[in-house]
Amino acid sequence: MAFRIASSPFTHNRQTTRQIMIQVMLACLPGLMALTTFFGSGIIIQLVIACVTALVAEGVVLTLRRQPLASRLGDGSALLTALLLALSLPPLGPWWMMVLATAFAIVIAKQLYGGLGHNPFNPAMVGYVVLLISFPVQMTSWSPQQSLLLHPVSLTDSMALIFTGVTPDGLTLTQLRATVDGITQATPLDGFKTGLRTGAMTAFHHRWDWQASAGWTWANIGFLLGGLYLIWRRVISWHIPLSLLAAMLIGAGLGHWLAPVVSAPPLLHLFSGATMLGAFFIATDPVTAAATVRGRVIFGALTGLLVWLIRTWGGYPDGVAFAVLLANICVPLIDHYTQPRAYGHR
């Protein structure tokens, strides 16, 4: 009689990697629709550029590594990385920035470590941070909401701005932004930091929630709805998003209570920038996040605390990408000290 010997793991998830990736991408749709509605169709163009770049870059590396193309490209992981980058980068940024970020994320941050399941850092956030450090002006030059522009940007204008830098009428992105005042043209988090440096905090506090943050608020609500759908479908667990948001809110609440001029209000942190995208779609990456239940709570709380600290005292208006990467570094240590005790082991 022959005995079959199988190696661990012995538990299996009924959902395949492809099915999980598709559900995560579908959950991004409400946030993507909100961003497109308020900031124009440039995001869709950037998404197409990112997807093509991701598939080409992954295909080239897989060919060089003599790996099967159909199964690896078909798992959807490269497309999800492209989607997260398209949601994070400025919608009217030059095309080559999206190509550079996506290629770096796929080739350096993912494939050089061995591919899906072996990368220690979130590939999308690595690509984002590379651009943020290399091109800080372009990366923080988000276009204002369409409703605030004197000349709304059409699909044709978006394509011309992304590929040539000017609209068919000869307007640059800087000229389009010049029609909006200095407070409403910035993102809410950027406006808060600018207000601190220029002494315009009083005007900012009266105007940020009505004029400059409607698009960001609805985008964060969209990503929140998508994240709740992922928890309901058990694609992700609630531990990381809840601990991340709780830690950020506690830090922001205490900071705003003790020093309201220096620390932004908790609601500004909650519904601005990449808060919900980071909490539900980026920090929950099963490859780069902590594996144990207690570890996920610690990982999420650490990420949320770092987001608040970087936004408050860091040099960049948003801190989700840096916070996630710094927390990724701590994952081996967190997993080591949060391993559940085996039954019968002292």
Protein backbone atom coordinates (compact mmCIF):
# COMPACT_ATOMS: atom_id res chain seq x y z
CA MET A 1 0.00 0.00 0.00
CA ALA A 2 1.41 3.38 -1.02
CA PHE A 3 1.15 6.41 1.29
CA ARG A 4 1.00 9.83 -0.29
CA ILE A 5 3.17 12.42 1.42
CA ALA A 6 2.31 16.05 0.81
CA SER A 7 4.15 19.13 2.02
CA SER A 8 2.51 22.03 3.86
CA PRO A 9 0.37 24.10 3.71
CA PHE A 10 -2.55 21.73 4.20
CA THR A 11 -5.37 24.29 4.17
CA HIS A 12 -6.54 25.73 0.89
CA ASN A 13 -8.61 28.73 -0.13
CA ARG A 14 -11.32 28.02 -2.63
CA GLN A 15 -10.56 31.29 -4.42
CA THR A 16 -7.70 31.37 -6.89
CA THR A 17 -5.20 34.22 -7.13
CA ARG A 18 -6.89 35.39 -10.32
CA GLN A 19 -10.32 35.49 -8.65
CA ILE A 20 -8.96 37.47 -5.69
CA MET A 21 -7.22 39.97 -7.96
CA ILE A 22 -10.38 40.47 -10.01
CA GLN A 23 -12.45 41.11 -6.89
CA VAL A 24 -9.92 43.67 -5.61
CA MET A 25 -9.94 45.45 -8.97
CA LEU A 26 -13.75 45.48 -9.03
CA ALA A 27 -13.77 46.93 -5.50
CA CYS A 28 -11.65 49.83 -6.76
CA LEU A 29 -14.35 50.88 -9.24
CA PRO A 30 -16.33 53.22 -6.90
CA GLY A 31 -13.18 55.15 -6.02
CA LEU A 32 -12.04 55.16 -9.65
CA MET A 33 -15.41 56.51 -10.77
CA ALA A 34 -15.30 59.28 -8.15
CA LEU A 35 -11.78 60.32 -9.14
CA THR A 36 -12.74 60.33 -12.84
CA THR A 37 -15.87 62.37 -12.14
CA PHE A 38 -14.08 65.07 -10.17
CA PHE A 39 -10.60 65.08 -11.76
CA GLY A 40 -11.35 64.15 -15.37
CA SER A 41 -10.65 61.33 -17.78
CA GLY A 42 -6.87 61.64 -17.44
CA ILE A 43 -7.01 58.85 -14.85
CA ILE A 44 -8.45 56.43 -17.42
CA ILE A 45 -5.68 57.31 -19.89
CA GLN A 46 -3.05 56.80 -17.18
CA LEU A 47 -4.68 53.47 -16.30
CA VAL A 48 -4.37 52.26 -19.89
CA ILE A 49 -0.71 53.34 -20.01
CA ALA A 50 0.01 51.59 -16.71
CA CYS A 51 -1.72 48.34 -17.74
CA VAL A 52 0.12 48.11 -21.07
CA THR A 53 3.46 48.89 -19.38
CA ALA A 54 2.85 46.34 -16.61
CA LEU A 55 1.98 43.51 -19.03
CA VAL A 56 4.92 44.28 -21.33
CA ALA A 57 7.42 44.60 -18.47
CA GLU A 58 6.23 41.42 -16.76
CA GLY A 59 6.14 39.56 -20.06
CA VAL A 60 9.72 40.50 -20.88
CA VAL A 61 11.04 39.48 -17.47
CA LEU A 62 9.08 36.21 -17.45
CA THR A 63 10.48 35.40 -20.89
CA LEU A 64 14.03 36.06 -19.68
CA ARG A 65 13.37 33.88 -16.62
CA ARG A 66 11.80 31.17 -18.81
CA GLN A 67 8.60 31.25 -16.81
CA PRO A 68 5.14 30.39 -18.24
CA LEU A 69 3.61 33.58 -19.66
CA ALA A 70 -0.07 32.71 -19.82
CA SER A 71 -0.52 31.65 -16.18
CA ARG A 72 1.67 34.39 -14.67
CA LEU A 73 0.23 37.24 -16.76
CA GLY A 74 -3.27 35.88 -16.30
CA ASP A 75 -3.19 35.94 -12.49
CA GLY A 76 -4.00 39.68 -12.55
CA SER A 77 -1.29 40.77 -10.10
CA ALA A 78 0.49 42.96 -12.66
CA LEU A 79 -2.79 44.63 -13.64
CA LEU A 80 -3.61 45.29 -9.97
CA THR A 81 -0.23 46.97 -9.48
CA ALA A 82 -0.93 49.11 -12.55
CA LEU A 83 -4.37 50.03 -11.23
CA LEU A 84 -3.02 51.11 -7.82
CA LEU A 85 -0.39 53.29 -9.51
CA ALA A 86 -2.97 54.87 -11.83
CA LEU A 87 -5.09 55.74 -8.78
CA SER A 88 -2.11 57.25 -6.96
CA LEU A 89 -0.30 59.34 -9.57
CA PRO A 90 -1.52 62.77 -10.81
CA PRO A 91 -4.06 62.20 -13.63
CA LEU A 92 -2.51 64.77 -15.97
CA GLY A 93 1.14 63.91 -15.33
CA PRO A 94 3.40 63.13 -18.29
CA TRP A 95 3.06 59.62 -19.74
CA TRP A 96 6.68 58.69 -19.18
CA MET A 97 6.30 59.05 -15.41
CA MET A 98 3.59 56.37 -15.38
CA VAL A 99 5.73 54.13 -17.61
CA LEU A 100 8.76 54.59 -15.35
CA ALA A 101 6.83 53.93 -12.12
CA THR A 102 5.06 50.84 -13.47
CA ALA A 103 8.19 49.33 -15.03
CA PHE A 104 10.18 49.92 -11.82
CA ALA A 105 7.42 48.36 -9.72
CA ILE A 106 7.13 45.24 -11.89
CA VAL A 107 10.79 44.65 -12.77
CA ILE A 108 12.67 45.83 -9.66
CA ALA A 109 10.19 45.57 -6.79
CA LYS A 110 8.45 42.37 -7.90
CA GLN A 111 10.31 40.20 -10.42
CA LEU A 112 13.88 40.71 -9.16
CA TYR A 113 12.75 39.24 -5.81
CA GLY A 114 11.26 36.18 -7.51
CA GLY A 115 7.82 37.32 -8.58
CA LEU A 116 4.43 37.24 -6.89
CA GLY A 117 4.64 35.97 -3.31
CA HIS A 118 8.34 36.73 -2.85
CA ASN A 119 8.48 40.54 -2.87
CA PRO A 120 9.08 42.04 0.61
CA PHE A 121 7.75 45.49 -0.34
CA ASN A 122 4.52 46.57 -1.99
CA PRO A 123 5.51 46.97 -5.69
CA ALA A 124 3.06 49.80 -6.42
CA MET A 125 4.28 51.84 -3.46
CA VAL A 126 7.91 51.29 -4.45
CA GLY A 127 7.16 52.69 -7.91
CA TYR A 128 5.25 55.59 -6.39
CA VAL A 129 8.03 56.51 -3.93
CA VAL A 130 10.69 56.36 -6.65
CA LEU A 131 8.77 59.01 -8.59
CA LEU A 132 7.97 61.06 -5.48
CA ILE A 133 11.65 61.29 -4.55
CA SER A 134 12.85 61.87 -8.13
CA PHE A 135 10.14 64.26 -9.34
CA PRO A 136 8.52 65.88 -6.26
CA VAL A 137 7.11 68.88 -8.16
CA GLN A 138 5.31 66.83 -10.82
CA MET A 139 4.10 64.27 -8.25
CA THR A 140 2.50 66.92 -6.03
CA SER A 141 0.96 68.82 -8.98
CA TRP A 142 -2.51 67.31 -8.90
CA SER A 143 -4.90 69.22 -11.11
CA PRO A 144 -7.80 70.94 -9.32
CA GLN A 145 -11.31 69.55 -9.53
CA GLN A 146 -13.02 70.05 -12.88
CA SER A 147 -15.65 72.31 -11.26
CA LEU A 148 -12.95 74.75 -10.13
CA LEU A 149 -11.27 75.12 -13.53
CA LEU A 150 -12.13 78.05 -15.78
CA HIS A 151 -11.46 75.76 -18.78
CA PRO A 152 -12.66 72.20 -17.96
CA VAL A 153 -10.32 69.53 -19.34
CA SER A 154 -11.95 67.24 -21.92
CA LEU A 155 -10.76 63.80 -23.01
CA THR A 156 -8.90 65.35 -25.96
CA ASP A 157 -7.28 67.93 -23.69
CA SER A 158 -6.25 65.20 -21.23
CA MET A 159 -4.59 63.12 -23.95
CA ALA A 160 -2.77 66.18 -25.30
CA LEU A 161 -1.57 67.22 -21.83
CA ILE A 162 -0.35 63.73 -20.95
CA PHE A 163 1.50 63.07 -24.24
CA THR A 164 2.60 66.57 -25.31
CA GLY A 165 2.29 68.81 -22.22
CA VAL A 166 -0.16 71.29 -23.80
CA THR A 167 -3.83 71.26 -24.80
CA PRO A 168 -4.91 71.75 -28.45
CA ASP A 169 -5.57 75.40 -27.46
CA GLY A 170 -1.96 75.77 -26.33
CA LEU A 171 -2.65 75.80 -22.56
CA THR A 172 -0.24 74.06 -20.21
CA LEU A 173 -1.21 72.44 -16.92
CA THR A 174 0.39 75.36 -15.08
CA GLN A 175 -1.77 77.84 -17.00
CA LEU A 176 -4.89 75.79 -16.23
CA ARG A 177 -3.98 75.74 -12.54
CA ALA A 178 -3.37 79.50 -12.62
CA THR A 179 -7.12 80.11 -13.01
CA VAL A 180 -7.65 78.65 -9.54
CA ASP A 181 -6.54 80.39 -6.38
CA GLY A 182 -3.67 79.13 -4.28
CA ILE A 183 -5.86 77.38 -1.72
CA THR A 184 -8.29 75.41 -3.88
CA GLN A 185 -5.72 74.29 -6.47
CA ALA A 186 -3.85 72.17 -3.96
CA THR A 187 -4.97 68.88 -2.46
CA PRO A 188 -6.43 69.33 1.05
CA LEU A 189 -3.33 67.87 2.71
CA ASP A 190 -1.03 69.98 0.55
CA GLY A 191 -3.17 73.01 1.30
CA PHE A 192 -2.82 72.38 5.03
CA LYS A 193 0.98 72.29 4.81
CA THR A 194 1.06 75.34 2.53
CA GLY A 195 -1.22 77.14 4.96
CA LEU A 196 1.14 76.43 7.83
CA ARG A 197 4.11 77.87 5.94
CA THR A 198 2.30 80.95 4.57
CA GLY A 199 0.20 81.75 7.62
CA ALA A 200 -3.07 81.21 5.69
CA MET A 201 -4.45 78.63 8.07
CA THR A 202 -7.50 80.71 9.00
CA ALA A 203 -8.72 81.02 5.40
CA PHE A 204 -7.85 77.38 4.74
CA HIS A 205 -9.91 76.12 7.67
CA HIS A 206 -12.95 77.94 6.36
CA ARG A 207 -12.67 76.73 2.78
CA TRP A 208 -11.00 73.35 2.55
CA ASP A 209 -14.04 71.20 3.15
CA TRP A 210 -16.31 72.88 0.63
CA GLN A 211 -14.10 73.83 -2.30
CA ALA A 212 -10.94 71.79 -2.32
CA SER A 213 -11.88 68.44 -0.82
CA ALA A 214 -15.19 67.36 -2.36
CA GLY A 215 -13.45 65.16 -4.93
CA TRP A 216 -11.12 63.66 -2.36
CA THR A 217 -13.96 63.05 0.07
CA TRP A 218 -16.06 61.17 -2.47
CA ALA A 219 -13.03 59.22 -3.71
CA ASN A 220 -12.28 58.11 -0.14
CA ILE A 221 -15.94 57.18 0.37
CA GLY A 222 -15.74 55.11 -2.83
CA PHE A 223 -12.65 53.26 -1.66
CA LEU A 224 -14.29 52.77 1.76
CA LEU A 225 -17.31 51.10 0.10
CA GLY A 226 -14.99 48.94 -2.00
CA GLY A 227 -13.01 47.96 1.09
CA LEU A 228 -16.15 46.97 2.98
CA TYR A 229 -17.10 44.80 0.00
CA LEU A 230 -13.71 43.04 0.20
CA ILE A 231 -14.20 42.39 3.93
CA TRP A 232 -17.71 41.06 3.28
CA ARG A 233 -16.35 38.73 0.60
CA ARG A 234 -13.51 37.73 2.96
CA VAL A 235 -10.89 38.74 0.44
CA ILE A 236 -9.22 40.80 3.18
CA SER A 237 -9.58 40.74 6.96
CA TRP A 238 -10.78 43.73 8.98
CA HIS A 239 -7.74 43.80 11.28
CA ILE A 240 -5.38 45.94 9.19
CA PRO A 241 -7.89 48.57 7.93
CA LEU A 242 -9.53 49.02 11.34
CA SER A 243 -6.28 49.27 13.30
CA LEU A 244 -4.77 51.59 10.68
CA LEU A 245 -7.71 54.00 10.70
CA ALA A 246 -8.05 53.83 14.49
CA ALA A 247 -4.37 54.60 15.09
CA MET A 248 -4.45 57.49 12.62
CA LEU A 249 -7.63 58.92 14.12
CA ILE A 250 -6.34 58.64 17.70
CA GLY A 251 -3.06 60.32 16.76
CA ALA A 252 -4.81 63.04 14.73
CA GLY A 253 -7.40 63.61 17.46
CA LEU A 254 -4.82 63.99 20.22
CA GLY A 255 -2.57 66.12 18.01
CA HIS A 256 -5.37 68.44 16.95
CA TRP A 257 -6.59 68.74 20.54
CA LEU A 258 -3.14 69.58 21.89
CA ALA A 259 -1.84 71.68 18.94
CA PRO A 260 -4.65 72.56 16.50
CA VAL A 261 -2.44 74.89 14.43
CA VAL A 262 0.16 72.19 13.71
CA SER A 263 -2.00 69.06 13.42
CA ALA A 264 -4.83 68.76 10.89
CA PRO A 265 -8.34 67.78 12.05
CA PRO A 266 -9.05 64.01 12.18
CA LEU A 267 -11.71 64.22 9.46
CA LEU A 268 -9.21 65.87 7.11
CA HIS A 269 -6.88 62.90 7.60
CA LEU A 270 -9.71 60.40 7.20
CA PHE A 271 -11.17 61.68 3.93
CA SER A 272 -8.13 63.22 2.22
CA GLY A 273 -5.25 61.83 0.24
CA ALA A 274 -4.88 58.07 -0.07
CA THR A 275 -6.27 57.17 3.37
CA MET A 276 -8.97 54.68 2.36
CA LEU A 277 -7.02 53.42 -0.66
CA GLY A 278 -4.07 52.73 1.62
CA ALA A 279 -6.11 51.19 4.43
CA PHE A 280 -8.15 48.74 2.34
CA PHE A 281 -6.17 48.14 -0.88
CA ILE A 282 -2.46 48.77 -0.21
CA ALA A 283 -1.67 47.91 3.42
CA THR A 284 -3.72 44.69 3.14
CA ASP A 285 -1.44 43.18 0.50
CA PRO A 286 -1.18 39.55 1.75
CA VAL A 287 2.40 39.17 0.51
CA THR A 288 3.95 42.18 2.23
CA ALA A 289 1.71 42.52 5.32
CA ALA A 290 1.97 40.60 8.59
CA ALA A 291 0.61 37.05 8.51
CA THR A 292 -0.65 36.49 12.07
CA VAL A 293 -3.82 38.03 13.49
CA ARG A 294 -2.04 39.97 16.24
CA GLY A 295 0.64 40.89 13.73
CA ARG A 296 -1.96 42.39 11.39
CA VAL A 297 -3.31 44.58 14.17
CA ILE A 298 0.20 45.78 15.03
CA PHE A 299 1.08 46.24 11.35
CA GLY A 300 -2.06 48.30 10.70
CA ALA A 301 -1.61 50.43 13.83
CA LEU A 302 2.04 51.08 12.98
CA THR A 303 1.11 52.10 9.43
CA GLY A 304 -1.66 54.44 10.62
CA LEU A 305 0.60 56.07 13.19
CA LEU A 306 3.34 56.58 10.58
CA VAL A 307 0.84 58.11 8.14
CA TRP A 308 -0.17 60.70 10.72
CA LEU A 309 3.42 61.44 11.78
CA ILE A 310 4.63 61.89 8.17
CA ARG A 311 1.65 64.04 7.22
CA THR A 312 2.12 66.23 10.29
CA TRP A 313 5.90 66.61 10.49
CA GLY A 314 7.24 65.09 7.26
CA GLY A 315 8.28 66.89 4.11
CA TYR A 316 5.46 65.46 1.95
CA PRO A 317 1.74 66.21 2.28
CA ASP A 318 0.70 62.53 2.18
CA GLY A 319 2.52 59.68 3.87
CA VAL A 320 0.71 56.48 2.96
CA ALA A 321 3.39 55.16 0.58
CA PHE A 322 6.29 55.81 2.97
CA ALA A 323 4.30 54.44 5.92
CA VAL A 324 3.45 51.19 4.12
CA LEU A 325 7.06 50.62 3.03
CA LEU A 326 8.42 51.35 6.52
CA ALA A 327 5.87 48.96 8.01
CA ASN A 328 6.83 46.34 5.39
CA ILE A 329 10.36 46.44 6.79
CA CYS A 330 9.03 45.54 10.25
CA VAL A 331 6.91 42.58 9.07
CA PRO A 332 9.52 39.82 9.75
CA LEU A 333 10.01 41.14 13.30
CA ILE A 334 6.25 41.46 13.87
CA ASP A 335 5.58 37.94 12.60
CA HIS A 336 8.42 36.54 14.72
CA TYR A 337 7.01 37.85 18.01
CA THR A 338 3.32 37.24 17.24
CA GLN A 339 3.41 33.58 16.24
CA PRO A 340 0.57 31.69 17.94
CA ARG A 341 1.74 29.11 20.46
CA ALA A 342 1.42 25.55 19.14
CA TYR A 343 -0.86 23.25 21.15
CA GLY A 344 1.15 21.46 23.82
CA HIS A 345 4.26 23.62 23.34
CA ARG A 346 5.57 25.54 26.35
